[in-house]
């Protein structure tokens, strides 16, 4: 049974920072690209960032480029999302996901991912 568990969400003021973690079990993620997505109330789930299986390439949504950083620690089977300069429009539930195929590059398509975490709430106050 593959499980992804996000943590690190919370309430932060605009301009602040948070670091999200996604711990995987039941799947050794070192062969899988990983992604972060988010969903705000009343909106569709949207791509935030992803990292290739090797960690050698990353892909960011325009809205977070330069503010967010994705990284992975394969020894800990964990993926991270460092979020700086947070804005109220970043408020959402953040989900991590594992690509459905091994040895893939970083992708933005939600259909490329087969396992998802339960999400962690990030709220940015103005």
PDB file of N, CA and C in Angstrom:
ATOM      1  N   UNK A   1       0.842  -1.186   0.000  1.00  0.00           N
ATOM      2  CA  UNK A   1       0.000   0.000   0.000  1.00  0.00           C
ATOM      3  C   UNK A   1       0.885   1.248   0.000  1.00  0.00           C
ATOM      4  N   UNK A   2       0.762   2.031  -1.069  1.00  0.00           N
ATOM      5  CA  UNK A   2       1.544   3.256  -1.172  1.00  0.00           C
ATOM      6  C   UNK A   2       0.838   4.371  -0.420  1.00  0.00           C
ATOM      7  N   UNK A   3       1.583   5.065   0.400  1.00  0.00           N
ATOM      8  CA  UNK A   3       1.028   6.218   1.113  1.00  0.00           C
ATOM      9  C   UNK A   3       1.967   7.402   0.991  1.00  0.00           C
ATOM     10  N   UNK A   4       1.389   8.556   0.766  1.00  0.00           N
ATOM     11  CA  UNK A   4       2.111   9.822   0.774  1.00  0.00           C
ATOM     12  C   UNK A   4       1.492  10.685   1.863  1.00  0.00           C
ATOM     13  N   UNK A   5       2.299  11.184   2.756  1.00  0.00           N
ATOM     14  CA  UNK A   5       1.794  11.969   3.877  1.00  0.00           C
ATOM     15  C   UNK A   5       2.472  13.333   3.884  1.00  0.00           C
ATOM     16  N   UNK A   6       1.662  14.368   3.663  1.00  0.00           N
ATOM     17  CA  UNK A   6       2.181  15.732   3.688  1.00  0.00           C
ATOM     18  C   UNK A   6       2.141  16.291   5.108  1.00  0.00           C
ATOM     19  N   UNK A   7       3.046  17.194   5.371  1.00  0.00           N
ATOM     20  CA  UNK A   7       3.062  17.904   6.650  1.00  0.00           C
ATOM     21  C   UNK A   7       3.726  19.251   6.449  1.00  0.00           C
ATOM     22  N   UNK A   8       3.557  20.126   7.432  1.00  0.00           N
ATOM     23  CA  UNK A   8       4.226  21.415   7.396  1.00  0.00           C
ATOM     24  C   UNK A   8       3.340  22.588   7.040  1.00  0.00           C
ATOM     25  N   UNK A   9       2.087  22.330   6.718  1.00  0.00           N
ATOM     26  CA  UNK A   9       1.194  23.427   6.413  1.00  0.00           C
ATOM     27  C   UNK A   9       0.837  24.227   7.651  1.00  0.00           C
ATOM     28  N   UNK A  10       0.152  25.342   7.438  1.00  0.00           N
ATOM     29  CA  UNK A  10      -0.245  26.179   8.559  1.00  0.00           C
ATOM     30  C   UNK A  10      -0.668  27.551   8.118  1.00  0.00           C
ATOM     31  N   UNK A  11      -0.751  28.436   9.099  1.00  0.00           N
ATOM     32  CA  UNK A  11      -1.143  29.826   8.862  1.00  0.00           C
ATOM     33  C   UNK A  11       0.104  30.701   8.931  1.00  0.00           C
ATOM     34  N   UNK A  12       0.277  31.537   7.922  1.00  0.00           N
ATOM     35  CA  UNK A  12       1.445  32.407   7.861  1.00  0.00           C
ATOM     36  C   UNK A  12       1.027  33.750   7.279  1.00  0.00           C
ATOM     37  N   UNK A  13       1.717  34.798   7.674  1.00  0.00           N
ATOM     38  CA  UNK A  13       1.437  36.120   7.111  1.00  0.00           C
ATOM     39  C   UNK A  13       2.068  36.259   5.730  1.00  0.00           C
ATOM     40  N   UNK A  14       1.490  37.128   4.941  1.00  0.00           N
ATOM     41  CA  UNK A  14       2.045  37.406   3.619  1.00  0.00           C
ATOM     42  C   UNK A  14       3.515  37.807   3.750  1.00  0.00           C
ATOM     43  N   UNK A  15       4.325  37.265   2.851  1.00  0.00           N
ATOM     44  CA  UNK A  15       5.760  37.497   2.904  1.00  0.00           C
ATOM     45  C   UNK A  15       6.524  36.461   3.686  1.00  0.00           C
ATOM     46  N   UNK A  16       5.807  35.617   4.402  1.00  0.00           N
ATOM     47  CA  UNK A  16       6.436  34.590   5.218  1.00  0.00           C
ATOM     48  C   UNK A  16       6.798  33.347   4.427  1.00  0.00           C
ATOM     49  N   UNK A  17       7.286  32.347   5.157  1.00  0.00           N
ATOM     50  CA  UNK A  17       7.756  31.108   4.535  1.00  0.00           C
ATOM     51  C   UNK A  17       7.181  29.886   5.245  1.00  0.00           C
ATOM     52  N   UNK A  18       7.073  28.821   4.496  1.00  0.00           N
ATOM     53  CA  UNK A  18       6.712  27.513   5.036  1.00  0.00           C
ATOM     54  C   UNK A  18       7.491  26.452   4.268  1.00  0.00           C
ATOM     55  N   UNK A  19       7.738  25.331   4.923  1.00  0.00           N
ATOM     56  CA  UNK A  19       8.365  24.198   4.257  1.00  0.00           C
ATOM     57  C   UNK A  19       7.456  22.985   4.417  1.00  0.00           C
ATOM     58  N   UNK A  20       6.985  22.488   3.302  1.00  0.00           N
ATOM     59  CA  UNK A  20       6.153  21.300   3.308  1.00  0.00           C
ATOM     60  C   UNK A  20       7.019  20.062   3.088  1.00  0.00           C
ATOM     61  N   UNK A  21       6.615  18.968   3.706  1.00  0.00           N
ATOM     62  CA  UNK A  21       7.281  17.685   3.509  1.00  0.00           C
ATOM     63  C   UNK A  21       6.267  16.665   3.019  1.00  0.00           C
ATOM     64  N   UNK A  22       6.743  15.714   2.249  1.00  0.00           N
ATOM     65  CA  UNK A  22       5.908  14.622   1.768  1.00  0.00           C
ATOM     66  C   UNK A  22       6.699  13.327   1.980  1.00  0.00           C
ATOM     67  N   UNK A  23       6.272  12.553   2.954  1.00  0.00           N
ATOM     68  CA  UNK A  23       6.948  11.299   3.278  1.00  0.00           C
ATOM     69  C   UNK A  23       6.216  10.138   2.616  1.00  0.00           C
ATOM     70  N   UNK A  24       6.964   9.320   1.882  1.00  0.00           N
ATOM     71  CA  UNK A  24       6.374   8.202   1.156  1.00  0.00           C
ATOM     72  C   UNK A  24       6.651   6.891   1.871  1.00  0.00           C
ATOM     73  N   UNK A  25       5.684   5.990   1.785  1.00  0.00           N
ATOM     74  CA  UNK A  25       5.860   4.623   2.263  1.00  0.00           C
ATOM     75  C   UNK A  25       5.173   3.689   1.275  1.00  0.00           C
ATOM     76  N   UNK A  26       5.676   2.465   1.208  1.00  0.00           N
ATOM     77  CA  UNK A  26       5.110   1.503   0.275  1.00  0.00           C
ATOM     78  C   UNK A  26       5.629   1.637  -1.146  1.00  0.00           C
ATOM     79  N   UNK A  27       6.415   2.650  -1.395  1.00  0.00           N
ATOM     80  CA  UNK A  27       7.025   2.852  -2.712  1.00  0.00           C
ATOM     81  C   UNK A  27       8.349   3.575  -2.479  1.00  0.00           C
ATOM     82  N   UNK A  28       9.402   3.049  -3.067  1.00  0.00           N
ATOM     83  CA  UNK A  28      10.691   3.741  -3.021  1.00  0.00           C
ATOM     84  C   UNK A  28      10.685   4.781  -4.126  1.00  0.00           C
ATOM     85  N   UNK A  29      10.651   6.035  -3.738  1.00  0.00           N
ATOM     86  CA  UNK A  29      10.371   7.081  -4.718  1.00  0.00           C
ATOM     87  C   UNK A  29      11.564   7.474  -5.562  1.00  0.00           C
ATOM     88  N   UNK A  30      12.736   6.902  -5.304  1.00  0.00           N
ATOM     89  CA  UNK A  30      13.920   7.375  -6.017  1.00  0.00           C
ATOM     90  C   UNK A  30      13.829   7.156  -7.520  1.00  0.00           C
ATOM     91  N   UNK A  31      12.956   6.260  -7.975  1.00  0.00           N
ATOM     92  CA  UNK A  31      12.805   6.034  -9.402  1.00  0.00           C
ATOM     93  C   UNK A  31      11.649   6.819 -10.009  1.00  0.00           C
ATOM     94  N   UNK A  32      10.993   7.642  -9.187  1.00  0.00           N
ATOM     95  CA  UNK A  32       9.780   8.316  -9.633  1.00  0.00           C
ATOM     96  C   UNK A  32       9.907   9.833  -9.586  1.00  0.00           C
ATOM     97  N   UNK A  33       9.417  10.483 -10.640  1.00  0.00           N
ATOM     98  CA  UNK A  33       9.217  11.921 -10.562  1.00  0.00           C
ATOM     99  C   UNK A  33       8.126  12.185  -9.533  1.00  0.00           C
ATOM    100  N   UNK A  34       8.249  13.329  -8.865  1.00  0.00           N
ATOM    101  CA  UNK A  34       7.292  13.703  -7.830  1.00  0.00           C
ATOM    102  C   UNK A  34       6.790  15.115  -8.103  1.00  0.00           C
ATOM    103  N   UNK A  35       5.565  15.374  -7.683  1.00  0.00           N
ATOM    104  CA  UNK A  35       4.994  16.695  -7.935  1.00  0.00           C
ATOM    105  C   UNK A  35       4.231  17.227  -6.743  1.00  0.00           C
ATOM    106  N   UNK A  36       4.055  18.535  -6.749  1.00  0.00           N
ATOM    107  CA  UNK A  36       3.185  19.228  -5.791  1.00  0.00           C
ATOM    108  C   UNK A  36       2.089  19.935  -6.582  1.00  0.00           C
ATOM    109  N   UNK A  37       0.875  19.801  -6.091  1.00  0.00           N
ATOM    110  CA  UNK A  37      -0.287  20.462  -6.664  1.00  0.00           C
ATOM    111  C   UNK A  37      -1.030  21.165  -5.537  1.00  0.00           C
ATOM    112  N   UNK A  38      -1.939  22.045  -5.895  1.00  0.00           N
ATOM    113  CA  UNK A  38      -2.732  22.719  -4.871  1.00  0.00           C
ATOM    114  C   UNK A  38      -4.148  22.947  -5.377  1.00  0.00           C
ATOM    115  N   UNK A  39      -5.046  23.079  -4.413  1.00  0.00           N
ATOM    116  CA  UNK A  39      -6.444  23.315  -4.756  1.00  0.00           C
ATOM    117  C   UNK A  39      -7.046  24.299  -3.769  1.00  0.00           C
ATOM    118  N   UNK A  40      -7.494  25.416  -4.303  1.00  0.00           N
ATOM    119  CA  UNK A  40      -8.156  26.432  -3.497  1.00  0.00           C
ATOM    120  C   UNK A  40      -9.663  26.189  -3.537  1.00  0.00           C
ATOM    121  N   UNK A  41     -10.405  26.687  -2.566  1.00  0.00           N
ATOM    122  CA  UNK A  41     -11.855  26.473  -2.548  1.00  0.00           C
ATOM    123  C   UNK A  41     -12.512  26.965  -3.826  1.00  0.00           C
ATOM    124  N   UNK A  42     -13.340  26.108  -4.407  1.00  0.00           N
ATOM    125  CA  UNK A  42     -14.067  26.477  -5.607  1.00  0.00           C
ATOM    126  C   UNK A  42     -13.265  26.447  -6.890  1.00  0.00           C
ATOM    127  N   UNK A  43     -12.018  25.994  -6.795  1.00  0.00           N
ATOM    128  CA  UNK A  43     -11.157  25.957  -7.979  1.00  0.00           C
ATOM    129  C   UNK A  43     -10.674  24.540  -8.252  1.00  0.00           C
ATOM    130  N   UNK A  44     -10.214  24.320  -9.459  1.00  0.00           N
ATOM    131  CA  UNK A  44      -9.672  23.026  -9.819  1.00  0.00           C
ATOM    132  C   UNK A  44      -8.265  22.864  -9.241  1.00  0.00           C
ATOM    133  N   UNK A  45      -7.867  21.609  -9.099  1.00  0.00           N
ATOM    134  CA  UNK A  45      -6.511  21.333  -8.644  1.00  0.00           C
ATOM    135  C   UNK A  45      -5.535  21.823  -9.720  1.00  0.00           C
ATOM    136  N   UNK A  46      -4.492  22.510  -9.274  1.00  0.00           N
ATOM    137  CA  UNK A  46      -3.542  23.072 -10.233  1.00  0.00           C
ATOM    138  C   UNK A  46      -2.122  22.653  -9.896  1.00  0.00           C
ATOM    139  N   UNK A  47      -1.312  22.597 -10.938  1.00  0.00           N
ATOM    140  CA  UNK A  47       0.093  22.229 -10.809  1.00  0.00           C
ATOM    141  C   UNK A  47       0.864  23.344 -10.112  1.00  0.00           C
ATOM    142  N   UNK A  48       1.784  22.948  -9.237  1.00  0.00           N
ATOM    143  CA  UNK A  48       2.669  23.898  -8.572  1.00  0.00           C
ATOM    144  C   UNK A  48       4.105  23.684  -9.041  1.00  0.00           C
ATOM    145  N   UNK A  49       4.609  22.472  -8.849  1.00  0.00           N
ATOM    146  CA  UNK A  49       5.983  22.170  -9.220  1.00  0.00           C
ATOM    147  C   UNK A  49       6.190  20.662  -9.266  1.00  0.00           C
ATOM    148  N   UNK A  50       7.240  20.243  -9.961  1.00  0.00           N
ATOM    149  CA  UNK A  50       7.589  18.829  -9.995  1.00  0.00           C
ATOM    150  C   UNK A  50       9.099  18.684 -10.139  1.00  0.00           C
ATOM    151  N   UNK A  51       9.561  17.477  -9.835  1.00  0.00           N
ATOM    152  CA  UNK A  51      10.990  17.186  -9.900  1.00  0.00           C
ATOM    153  C   UNK A  51      11.167  15.821 -10.560  1.00  0.00           C
ATOM    154  N   UNK A  52      12.150  15.717 -11.439  1.00  0.00           N
ATOM    155  CA  UNK A  52      12.383  14.462 -12.152  1.00  0.00           C
ATOM    156  C   UNK A  52      12.837  13.367 -11.206  1.00  0.00           C
ATOM    157  N   UNK A  53      12.821  12.152 -11.706  1.00  0.00           N
ATOM    158  CA  UNK A  53      13.200  11.024 -10.852  1.00  0.00           C
ATOM    159  C   UNK A  53      14.632  11.176 -10.346  1.00  0.00           C
ATOM    160  N   UNK A  54      15.500  11.732 -11.169  1.00  0.00           N
ATOM    161  CA  UNK A  54      16.903  11.885 -10.788  1.00  0.00           C
ATOM    162  C   UNK A  54      17.144  13.119  -9.938  1.00  0.00           C
ATOM    163  N   UNK A  55      16.170  14.016  -9.917  1.00  0.00           N
ATOM    164  CA  UNK A  55      16.376  15.289  -9.231  1.00  0.00           C
ATOM    165  C   UNK A  55      17.108  16.301 -10.072  1.00  0.00           C
ATOM    166  N   UNK A  56      17.462  15.922 -11.289  1.00  0.00           N
ATOM    167  CA  UNK A  56      18.252  16.794 -12.133  1.00  0.00           C
ATOM    168  C   UNK A  56      17.475  17.890 -12.830  1.00  0.00           C
ATOM    169  N   UNK A  57      16.176  17.757 -12.879  1.00  0.00           N
ATOM    170  CA  UNK A  57      15.368  18.812 -13.498  1.00  0.00           C
ATOM    171  C   UNK A  57      14.120  19.075 -12.668  1.00  0.00           C
ATOM    172  N   UNK A  58      13.695  20.319 -12.714  1.00  0.00           N
ATOM    173  CA  UNK A  58      12.498  20.748 -12.006  1.00  0.00           C
ATOM    174  C   UNK A  58      11.633  21.585 -12.934  1.00  0.00           C
ATOM    175  N   UNK A  59      10.397  21.740 -12.545  1.00  0.00           N
ATOM    176  CA  UNK A  59       9.432  22.469 -13.387  1.00  0.00           C
ATOM    177  C   UNK A  59       8.515  23.216 -12.430  1.00  0.00           C
ATOM    178  N   UNK A  60       8.313  24.507 -12.701  1.00  0.00           N
ATOM    179  CA  UNK A  60       7.509  25.336 -11.814  1.00  0.00           C
ATOM    180  C   UNK A  60       6.396  26.039 -12.580  1.00  0.00           C
ATOM    181  N   UNK A  61       5.271  26.179 -11.925  1.00  0.00           N
ATOM    182  CA  UNK A  61       4.236  27.045 -12.469  1.00  0.00           C
ATOM    183  C   UNK A  61       4.729  28.482 -12.450  1.00  0.00           C
ATOM    184  N   UNK A  62       4.302  29.277 -13.411  1.00  0.00           N
ATOM    185  CA  UNK A  62       4.747  30.669 -13.483  1.00  0.00           C
ATOM    186  C   UNK A  62       4.447  31.427 -12.193  1.00  0.00           C
ATOM    187  N   UNK A  63       3.332  31.071 -11.571  1.00  0.00           N
ATOM    188  CA  UNK A  63       2.886  31.812 -10.391  1.00  0.00           C
ATOM    189  C   UNK A  63       3.800  31.621  -9.186  1.00  0.00           C
ATOM    190  N   UNK A  64       4.626  30.566  -9.184  1.00  0.00           N
ATOM    191  CA  UNK A  64       5.480  30.298  -8.025  1.00  0.00           C
ATOM    192  C   UNK A  64       6.962  30.344  -8.372  1.00  0.00           C
ATOM    193  N   UNK A  65       7.287  30.474  -9.646  1.00  0.00           N
ATOM    194  CA  UNK A  65       8.680  30.509 -10.081  1.00  0.00           C
ATOM    195  C   UNK A  65       9.442  31.589  -9.330  1.00  0.00           C
ATOM    196  N   UNK A  66      10.587  31.216  -8.791  1.00  0.00           N
ATOM    197  CA  UNK A  66      11.415  32.169  -8.063  1.00  0.00           C
ATOM    198  C   UNK A  66      11.060  32.303  -6.591  1.00  0.00           C
ATOM    199  N   UNK A  67       9.937  31.754  -6.187  1.00  0.00           N
ATOM    200  CA  UNK A  67       9.528  31.834  -4.768  1.00  0.00           C
ATOM    201  C   UNK A  67       9.517  30.454  -4.108  1.00  0.00           C
ATOM    202  N   UNK A  68       9.176  29.434  -4.859  1.00  0.00           N
ATOM    203  CA  UNK A  68       9.081  28.070  -4.334  1.00  0.00           C
ATOM    204  C   UNK A  68      10.238  27.224  -4.859  1.00  0.00           C
ATOM    205  N   UNK A  69      10.658  26.254  -4.045  1.00  0.00           N
ATOM    206  CA  UNK A  69      11.718  25.336  -4.448  1.00  0.00           C
ATOM    207  C   UNK A  69      11.343  23.916  -4.052  1.00  0.00           C
ATOM    208  N   UNK A  70      11.389  23.027  -5.014  1.00  0.00           N
ATOM    209  CA  UNK A  70      11.137  21.617  -4.746  1.00  0.00           C
ATOM    210  C   UNK A  70      12.478  20.894  -4.624  1.00  0.00           C
ATOM    211  N   UNK A  71      12.525  19.932  -3.724  1.00  0.00           N
ATOM    212  CA  UNK A  71      13.736  19.131  -3.569  1.00  0.00           C
ATOM    213  C   UNK A  71      13.336  17.735  -3.098  1.00  0.00           C
ATOM    214  N   UNK A  72      14.302  16.831  -3.173  1.00  0.00           N
ATOM    215  CA  UNK A  72      14.013  15.474  -2.740  1.00  0.00           C
ATOM    216  C   UNK A  72      15.196  14.897  -1.987  1.00  0.00           C
ATOM    217  N   UNK A  73      14.907  14.041  -1.020  1.00  0.00           N
ATOM    218  CA  UNK A  73      15.925  13.305  -0.274  1.00  0.00           C
ATOM    219  C   UNK A  73      15.546  11.843  -0.400  1.00  0.00           C
ATOM    220  N   UNK A  74      16.161  11.170  -1.356  1.00  0.00           N
ATOM    221  CA  UNK A  74      15.774   9.779  -1.617  1.00  0.00           C
ATOM    222  C   UNK A  74      16.120   8.858  -0.446  1.00  0.00           C
ATOM    223  N   UNK A  75      17.149   9.195   0.288  1.00  0.00           N
ATOM    224  CA  UNK A  75      17.512   8.373   1.447  1.00  0.00           C
ATOM    225  C   UNK A  75      16.398   8.375   2.497  1.00  0.00           C
ATOM    226  N   UNK A  76      15.677   9.487   2.562  1.00  0.00           N
ATOM    227  CA  UNK A  76      14.567   9.607   3.515  1.00  0.00           C
ATOM    228  C   UNK A  76      13.218   9.340   2.852  1.00  0.00           C
ATOM    229  N   UNK A  77      13.247   9.042   1.544  1.00  0.00           N
ATOM    230  CA  UNK A  77      12.008   8.790   0.797  1.00  0.00           C
ATOM    231  C   UNK A  77      11.022   9.954   0.964  1.00  0.00           C
ATOM    232  N   UNK A  78      11.559  11.165   0.860  1.00  0.00           N
ATOM    233  CA  UNK A  78      10.788  12.372   1.171  1.00  0.00           C
ATOM    234  C   UNK A  78      11.044  13.444   0.122  1.00  0.00           C
ATOM    235  N   UNK A  79       9.989  14.182  -0.169  1.00  0.00           N
ATOM    236  CA  UNK A  79      10.069  15.330  -1.071  1.00  0.00           C
ATOM    237  C   UNK A  79       9.669  16.565  -0.276  1.00  0.00           C
ATOM    238  N   UNK A  80      10.282  17.692  -0.604  1.00  0.00           N
ATOM    239  CA  UNK A  80      10.045  18.937   0.124  1.00  0.00           C
ATOM    240  C   UNK A  80       9.568  20.031  -0.823  1.00  0.00           C
ATOM    241  N   UNK A  81       8.858  20.983  -0.245  1.00  0.00           N
ATOM    242  CA  UNK A  81       8.481  22.192  -0.967  1.00  0.00           C
ATOM    243  C   UNK A  81       8.762  23.378  -0.057  1.00  0.00           C
ATOM    244  N   UNK A  82       9.792  24.122  -0.390  1.00  0.00           N
ATOM    245  CA  UNK A  82      10.121  25.349   0.341  1.00  0.00           C
ATOM    246  C   UNK A  82       9.370  26.493  -0.311  1.00  0.00           C
ATOM    247  N   UNK A  83       8.564  27.178   0.478  1.00  0.00           N
ATOM    248  CA  UNK A  83       7.736  28.266  -0.057  1.00  0.00           C
ATOM    249  C   UNK A  83       8.126  29.563   0.636  1.00  0.00           C
ATOM    250  N   UNK A  84       8.634  30.500  -0.135  1.00  0.00           N
ATOM    251  CA  UNK A  84       9.037  31.809   0.379  1.00  0.00           C
ATOM    252  C   UNK A  84       8.173  32.901  -0.232  1.00  0.00           C
ATOM    253  N   UNK A  85       8.218  34.065   0.369  1.00  0.00           N
ATOM    254  CA  UNK A  85       7.470  35.223  -0.131  1.00  0.00           C
ATOM    255  C   UNK A  85       6.014  34.856  -0.413  1.00  0.00           C
ATOM    256  N   UNK A  86       5.402  34.202   0.539  1.00  0.00           N
ATOM    257  CA  UNK A  86       4.031  33.719   0.340  1.00  0.00           C
ATOM    258  C   UNK A  86       3.050  34.878   0.183  1.00  0.00           C
ATOM    259  N   UNK A  87       2.034  34.601  -0.625  1.00  0.00           N
ATOM    260  CA  UNK A  87       1.006  35.586  -0.926  1.00  0.00           C
ATOM    261  C   UNK A  87      -0.366  35.023  -0.550  1.00  0.00           C
ATOM    262  N   UNK A  88      -1.333  35.871  -0.306  1.00  0.00           N
ATOM    263  CA  UNK A  88      -2.683  35.355   0.005  1.00  0.00           C
ATOM    264  C   UNK A  88      -3.217  34.417  -1.076  1.00  0.00           C
ATOM    265  N   UNK A  89      -2.856  34.659  -2.323  1.00  0.00           N
ATOM    266  CA  UNK A  89      -3.349  33.793  -3.401  1.00  0.00           C
ATOM    267  C   UNK A  89      -2.696  32.416  -3.410  1.00  0.00           C
ATOM    268  N   UNK A  90      -1.706  32.198  -2.560  1.00  0.00           N
ATOM    269  CA  UNK A  90      -1.120  30.864  -2.402  1.00  0.00           C
ATOM    270  C   UNK A  90      -1.945  29.995  -1.457  1.00  0.00           C
ATOM    271  N   UNK A  91      -2.944  30.577  -0.832  1.00  0.00           N
ATOM    272  CA  UNK A  91      -3.788  29.821   0.091  1.00  0.00           C
ATOM    273  C   UNK A  91      -4.492  28.687  -0.635  1.00  0.00           C
ATOM    274  N   UNK A  92      -4.311  27.473  -0.129  1.00  0.00           N
ATOM    275  CA  UNK A  92      -4.882  26.279  -0.774  1.00  0.00           C
ATOM    276  C   UNK A  92      -4.529  25.050   0.058  1.00  0.00           C
ATOM    277  N   UNK A  93      -5.124  23.936  -0.320  1.00  0.00           N
ATOM    278  CA  UNK A  93      -4.661  22.639   0.179  1.00  0.00           C
ATOM    279  C   UNK A  93      -3.592  22.157  -0.794  1.00  0.00           C
ATOM    280  N   UNK A  94      -2.442  21.789  -0.245  1.00  0.00           N
ATOM    281  CA  UNK A  94      -1.311  21.362  -1.062  1.00  0.00           C
ATOM    282  C   UNK A  94      -1.189  19.836  -0.999  1.00  0.00           C
ATOM    283  N   UNK A  95      -1.041  19.244  -2.182  1.00  0.00           N
ATOM    284  CA  UNK A  95      -0.957  17.794  -2.308  1.00  0.00           C
ATOM    285  C   UNK A  95       0.360  17.396  -2.962  1.00  0.00           C
ATOM    286  N   UNK A  96       0.977  16.350  -2.477  1.00  0.00           N
ATOM    287  CA  UNK A  96       2.093  15.772  -3.220  1.00  0.00           C
ATOM    288  C   UNK A  96       1.598  14.535  -3.957  1.00  0.00           C
ATOM    289  N   UNK A  97       2.318  14.193  -5.010  1.00  0.00           N
ATOM    290  CA  UNK A  97       1.905  13.085  -5.857  1.00  0.00           C
ATOM    291  C   UNK A  97       3.124  12.407  -6.456  1.00  0.00           C
ATOM    292  N   UNK A  98       2.964  11.117  -6.728  1.00  0.00           N
ATOM    293  CA  UNK A  98       4.024  10.318  -7.321  1.00  0.00           C
ATOM    294  C   UNK A  98       3.655   9.958  -8.757  1.00  0.00           C
ATOM    295  N   UNK A  99       4.608  10.145  -9.662  1.00  0.00           N
ATOM    296  CA  UNK A  99       4.370   9.823 -11.071  1.00  0.00           C
ATOM    297  C   UNK A  99       4.039   8.339 -11.226  1.00  0.00           C
ATOM    298  N   UNK A 100       3.214   8.018 -12.192  1.00  0.00           N
ATOM    299  CA  UNK A 100       2.781   6.636 -12.361  1.00  0.00           C
ATOM    300  C   UNK A 100       3.830   5.756 -13.049  1.00  0.00           C
ATOM    301  N   UNK A 101       4.824   6.354 -13.708  1.00  0.00           N
ATOM    302  CA  UNK A 101       5.854   5.583 -14.392  1.00  0.00           C
ATOM    303  C   UNK A 101       7.230   5.927 -13.829  1.00  0.00           C
ATOM    304  N   UNK A 102       8.125   4.962 -13.905  1.00  0.00           N
ATOM    305  CA  UNK A 102       9.472   5.204 -13.391  1.00  0.00           C
ATOM    306  C   UNK A 102      10.331   5.952 -14.415  1.00  0.00           C
ATOM    307  N   UNK A 103      11.363   6.582 -13.903  1.00  0.00           N
ATOM    308  CA  UNK A 103      12.382   7.248 -14.723  1.00  0.00           C
ATOM    309  C   UNK A 103      11.802   8.322 -15.647  1.00  0.00           C
ATOM    310  N   UNK A 104      10.888   9.112 -15.136  1.00  0.00           N
ATOM    311  CA  UNK A 104      10.280  10.174 -15.909  1.00  0.00           C
ATOM    312  C   UNK A 104      10.839  11.547 -15.517  1.00  0.00           C
ATOM    313  N   UNK A 105      10.720  12.472 -16.443  1.00  0.00           N
ATOM    314  CA  UNK A 105      11.117  13.842 -16.158  1.00  0.00           C
ATOM    315  C   UNK A 105      10.010  14.539 -15.371  1.00  0.00           C
ATOM    316  N   UNK A 106      10.257  15.766 -14.988  1.00  0.00           N
ATOM    317  CA  UNK A 106       9.272  16.552 -14.251  1.00  0.00           C
ATOM    318  C   UNK A 106       8.128  16.934 -15.182  1.00  0.00           C
ATOM    319  N   UNK A 107       6.905  16.650 -14.790  1.00  0.00           N
ATOM    320  CA  UNK A 107       5.744  16.949 -15.627  1.00  0.00           C
ATOM    321  C   UNK A 107       4.682  17.694 -14.820  1.00  0.00           C
ATOM    322  N   UNK A 108       3.777  18.351 -15.552  1.00  0.00           N
ATOM    323  CA  UNK A 108       2.753  19.190 -14.913  1.00  0.00           C
ATOM    324  C   UNK A 108       1.348  18.609 -15.022  1.00  0.00           C
ATOM    325  N   UNK A 109       1.192  17.530 -15.764  1.00  0.00           N
ATOM    326  CA  UNK A 109      -0.138  16.991 -16.013  1.00  0.00           C
ATOM    327  C   UNK A 109      -0.600  16.137 -14.836  1.00  0.00           C
ATOM    328  N   UNK A 110      -1.734  16.489 -14.257  1.00  0.00           N
ATOM    329  CA  UNK A 110      -2.240  15.775 -13.093  1.00  0.00           C
ATOM    330  C   UNK A 110      -2.471  14.295 -13.424  1.00  0.00           C
ATOM    331  N   UNK A 111      -2.747  13.987 -14.672  1.00  0.00           N
ATOM    332  CA  UNK A 111      -3.025  12.590 -15.057  1.00  0.00           C
ATOM    333  C   UNK A 111      -1.764  11.725 -15.078  1.00  0.00           C
ATOM    334  N   UNK A 112      -0.599  12.346 -14.991  1.00  0.00           N
ATOM    335  CA  UNK A 112       0.656  11.596 -14.973  1.00  0.00           C
ATOM    336  C   UNK A 112       0.928  10.971 -13.613  1.00  0.00           C
ATOM    337  N   UNK A 113       0.150  11.343 -12.599  1.00  0.00           N
ATOM    338  CA  UNK A 113       0.438  10.944 -11.226  1.00  0.00           C
ATOM    339  C   UNK A 113      -0.638   9.988 -10.723  1.00  0.00           C
ATOM    340  N   UNK A 114      -0.194   8.911 -10.060  1.00  0.00           N
ATOM    341  CA  UNK A 114      -1.169   7.909  -9.651  1.00  0.00           C
ATOM    342  C   UNK A 114      -1.398   7.817  -8.150  1.00  0.00           C
ATOM    343  N   UNK A 115      -0.450   8.254  -7.355  1.00  0.00           N
ATOM    344  CA  UNK A 115      -0.661   8.239  -5.905  1.00  0.00           C
ATOM    345  C   UNK A 115      -0.587   9.662  -5.365  1.00  0.00           C
ATOM    346  N   UNK A 116      -1.515   9.940  -4.460  1.00  0.00           N
ATOM    347  CA  UNK A 116      -1.666  11.294  -3.917  1.00  0.00           C
ATOM    348  C   UNK A 116      -1.735  11.251  -2.395  1.00  0.00           C
ATOM    349  N   UNK A 117      -1.211  12.299  -1.782  1.00  0.00           N
ATOM    350  CA  UNK A 117      -1.369  12.441  -0.349  1.00  0.00           C
ATOM    351  C   UNK A 117      -2.738  12.999  -0.007  1.00  0.00           C
ATOM    352  N   UNK A 118      -2.986  13.140   1.286  1.00  0.00           N
ATOM    353  CA  UNK A 118      -4.283  13.632   1.745  1.00  0.00           C
ATOM    354  C   UNK A 118      -4.359  15.152   1.744  1.00  0.00           C
ATOM    355  N   UNK A 119      -3.217  15.799   1.595  1.00  0.00           N
ATOM    356  CA  UNK A 119      -3.181  17.254   1.515  1.00  0.00           C
ATOM    357  C   UNK A 119      -2.876  17.914   2.847  1.00  0.00           C
ATOM    358  N   UNK A 120      -2.295  19.086   2.773  1.00  0.00           N
ATOM    359  CA  UNK A 120      -2.036  19.906   3.957  1.00  0.00           C
ATOM    360  C   UNK A 120      -2.453  21.338   3.646  1.00  0.00           C
ATOM    361  N   UNK A 121      -3.137  21.963   4.583  1.00  0.00           N
ATOM    362  CA  UNK A 121      -3.688  23.300   4.364  1.00  0.00           C
ATOM    363  C   UNK A 121      -2.612  24.361   4.566  1.00  0.00           C
ATOM    364  N   UNK A 122      -2.531  25.262   3.609  1.00  0.00           N
ATOM    365  CA  UNK A 122      -1.669  26.444   3.717  1.00  0.00           C
ATOM    366  C   UNK A 122      -2.571  27.668   3.612  1.00  0.00           C
ATOM    367  N   UNK A 123      -2.502  28.521   4.621  1.00  0.00           N
ATOM    368  CA  UNK A 123      -3.308  29.729   4.639  1.00  0.00           C
ATOM    369  C   UNK A 123      -2.383  30.925   4.816  1.00  0.00           C
ATOM    370  N   UNK A 124      -2.467  31.868   3.892  1.00  0.00           N
ATOM    371  CA  UNK A 124      -1.624  33.058   3.933  1.00  0.00           C
ATOM    372  C   UNK A 124      -2.520  34.264   4.176  1.00  0.00           C
ATOM    373  N   UNK A 125      -2.288  34.948   5.278  1.00  0.00           N
ATOM    374  CA  UNK A 125      -3.102  36.108   5.622  1.00  0.00           C
ATOM    375  C   UNK A 125      -2.450  37.378   5.087  1.00  0.00           C
ATOM    376  N   UNK A 126      -3.284  38.344   4.752  1.00  0.00           N
ATOM    377  CA  UNK A 126      -2.767  39.607   4.199  1.00  0.00           C
ATOM    378  C   UNK A 126      -2.485  40.619   5.291  1.00  0.00           C
TER     379      UNK A 126
END
